Amino acid sequence: MNHREITKKYSELINRAELANGRKEVVGLLKKAANLKSKIEINKY
């Protein structure tokens, strides 16, 4: 995945987390988003 794809997927996960109903669903989406965020930070440098 390149930087643009990772960023797009990250923003989609954050939007889904905002609309999510249950706590477990929100936590799961935020964990996935955090993993992608770390990939963005690693690829940045």
C-alpha atoms as a PDB file:
ATOM      1  CA  MET A   1       0.000   0.000   0.000  1.00  0.00           C
ATOM      2  CA  ASN A   2       1.226   3.431  -0.783  1.00  0.00           C
ATOM      3  CA  HIS A   3       0.807   6.528   1.376  1.00  0.00           C
ATOM      4  CA  ARG A   4      -2.355   7.723  -0.392  1.00  0.00           C
ATOM      5  CA  GLU A   5      -4.140   4.375   0.004  1.00  0.00           C
ATOM      6  CA  ILE A   6      -3.230   4.134   3.679  1.00  0.00           C
ATOM      7  CA  THR A   7      -4.419   7.688   4.321  1.00  0.00           C
ATOM      8  CA  LYS A   8      -7.709   7.045   2.520  1.00  0.00           C
ATOM      9  CA  LYS A   9      -8.343   3.831   4.439  1.00  0.00           C
ATOM     10  CA  TYR A  10      -7.463   5.611   7.716  1.00  0.00           C
ATOM     11  CA  SER A  11      -9.990   8.381   7.076  1.00  0.00           C
ATOM     12  CA  GLU A  12     -12.667   5.819   6.147  1.00  0.00           C
ATOM     13  CA  LEU A  13     -12.087   3.963   9.422  1.00  0.00           C
ATOM     14  CA  ILE A  14     -12.306   7.175  11.449  1.00  0.00           C
ATOM     15  CA  ASN A  15     -15.581   8.099   9.731  1.00  0.00           C
ATOM     16  CA  ARG A  16     -16.997   4.623  10.390  1.00  0.00           C
ATOM     17  CA  ALA A  17     -15.944   4.902  14.055  1.00  0.00           C
ATOM     18  CA  GLU A  18     -17.843   8.185  14.378  1.00  0.00           C
ATOM     19  CA  LEU A  19     -21.014   6.514  13.088  1.00  0.00           C
ATOM     20  CA  ALA A  20     -20.588   3.243  15.009  1.00  0.00           C
ATOM     21  CA  ASN A  21     -23.137   2.238  17.622  1.00  0.00           C
ATOM     22  CA  GLY A  22     -21.449  -0.060  20.115  1.00  0.00           C
ATOM     23  CA  ARG A  23     -18.381   0.447  22.248  1.00  0.00           C
ATOM     24  CA  LYS A  24     -16.675  -2.704  20.977  1.00  0.00           C
ATOM     25  CA  GLU A  25     -17.237  -1.664  17.380  1.00  0.00           C
ATOM     26  CA  VAL A  26     -15.748   1.784  18.026  1.00  0.00           C
ATOM     27  CA  VAL A  27     -12.737   0.372  19.848  1.00  0.00           C
ATOM     28  CA  GLY A  28     -12.070  -2.147  17.072  1.00  0.00           C
ATOM     29  CA  LEU A  29     -12.220   0.502  14.367  1.00  0.00           C
ATOM     30  CA  LEU A  30      -9.997   2.871  16.326  1.00  0.00           C
ATOM     31  CA  LYS A  31      -7.403   0.113  16.845  1.00  0.00           C
ATOM     32  CA  LYS A  32      -7.334  -0.551  13.098  1.00  0.00           C
ATOM     33  CA  ALA A  33      -7.004   3.172  12.462  1.00  0.00           C
ATOM     34  CA  ALA A  34      -4.139   3.410  14.958  1.00  0.00           C
ATOM     35  CA  ASN A  35      -2.280   0.617  13.164  1.00  0.00           C
ATOM     36  CA  LEU A  36      -2.668   2.446   9.855  1.00  0.00           C
ATOM     37  CA  LYS A  37      -1.572   5.712  11.478  1.00  0.00           C
ATOM     38  CA  SER A  38       1.632   4.034  12.607  1.00  0.00           C
ATOM     39  CA  LYS A  39       2.245   2.836   9.043  1.00  0.00           C
ATOM     40  CA  ILE A  40       1.764   6.407   7.818  1.00  0.00           C
ATOM     41  CA  GLU A  41       4.307   7.680  10.372  1.00  0.00           C
ATOM     42  CA  ILE A  42       6.827   4.966   9.468  1.00  0.00           C
ATOM     43  CA  ASN A  43       6.513   5.606   5.720  1.00  0.00           C
ATOM     44  CA  LYS A  44       6.757   9.356   6.243  1.00  0.00           C
ATOM     45  CA  TYR A  45      10.431   9.246   7.255  1.00  0.00           C
END
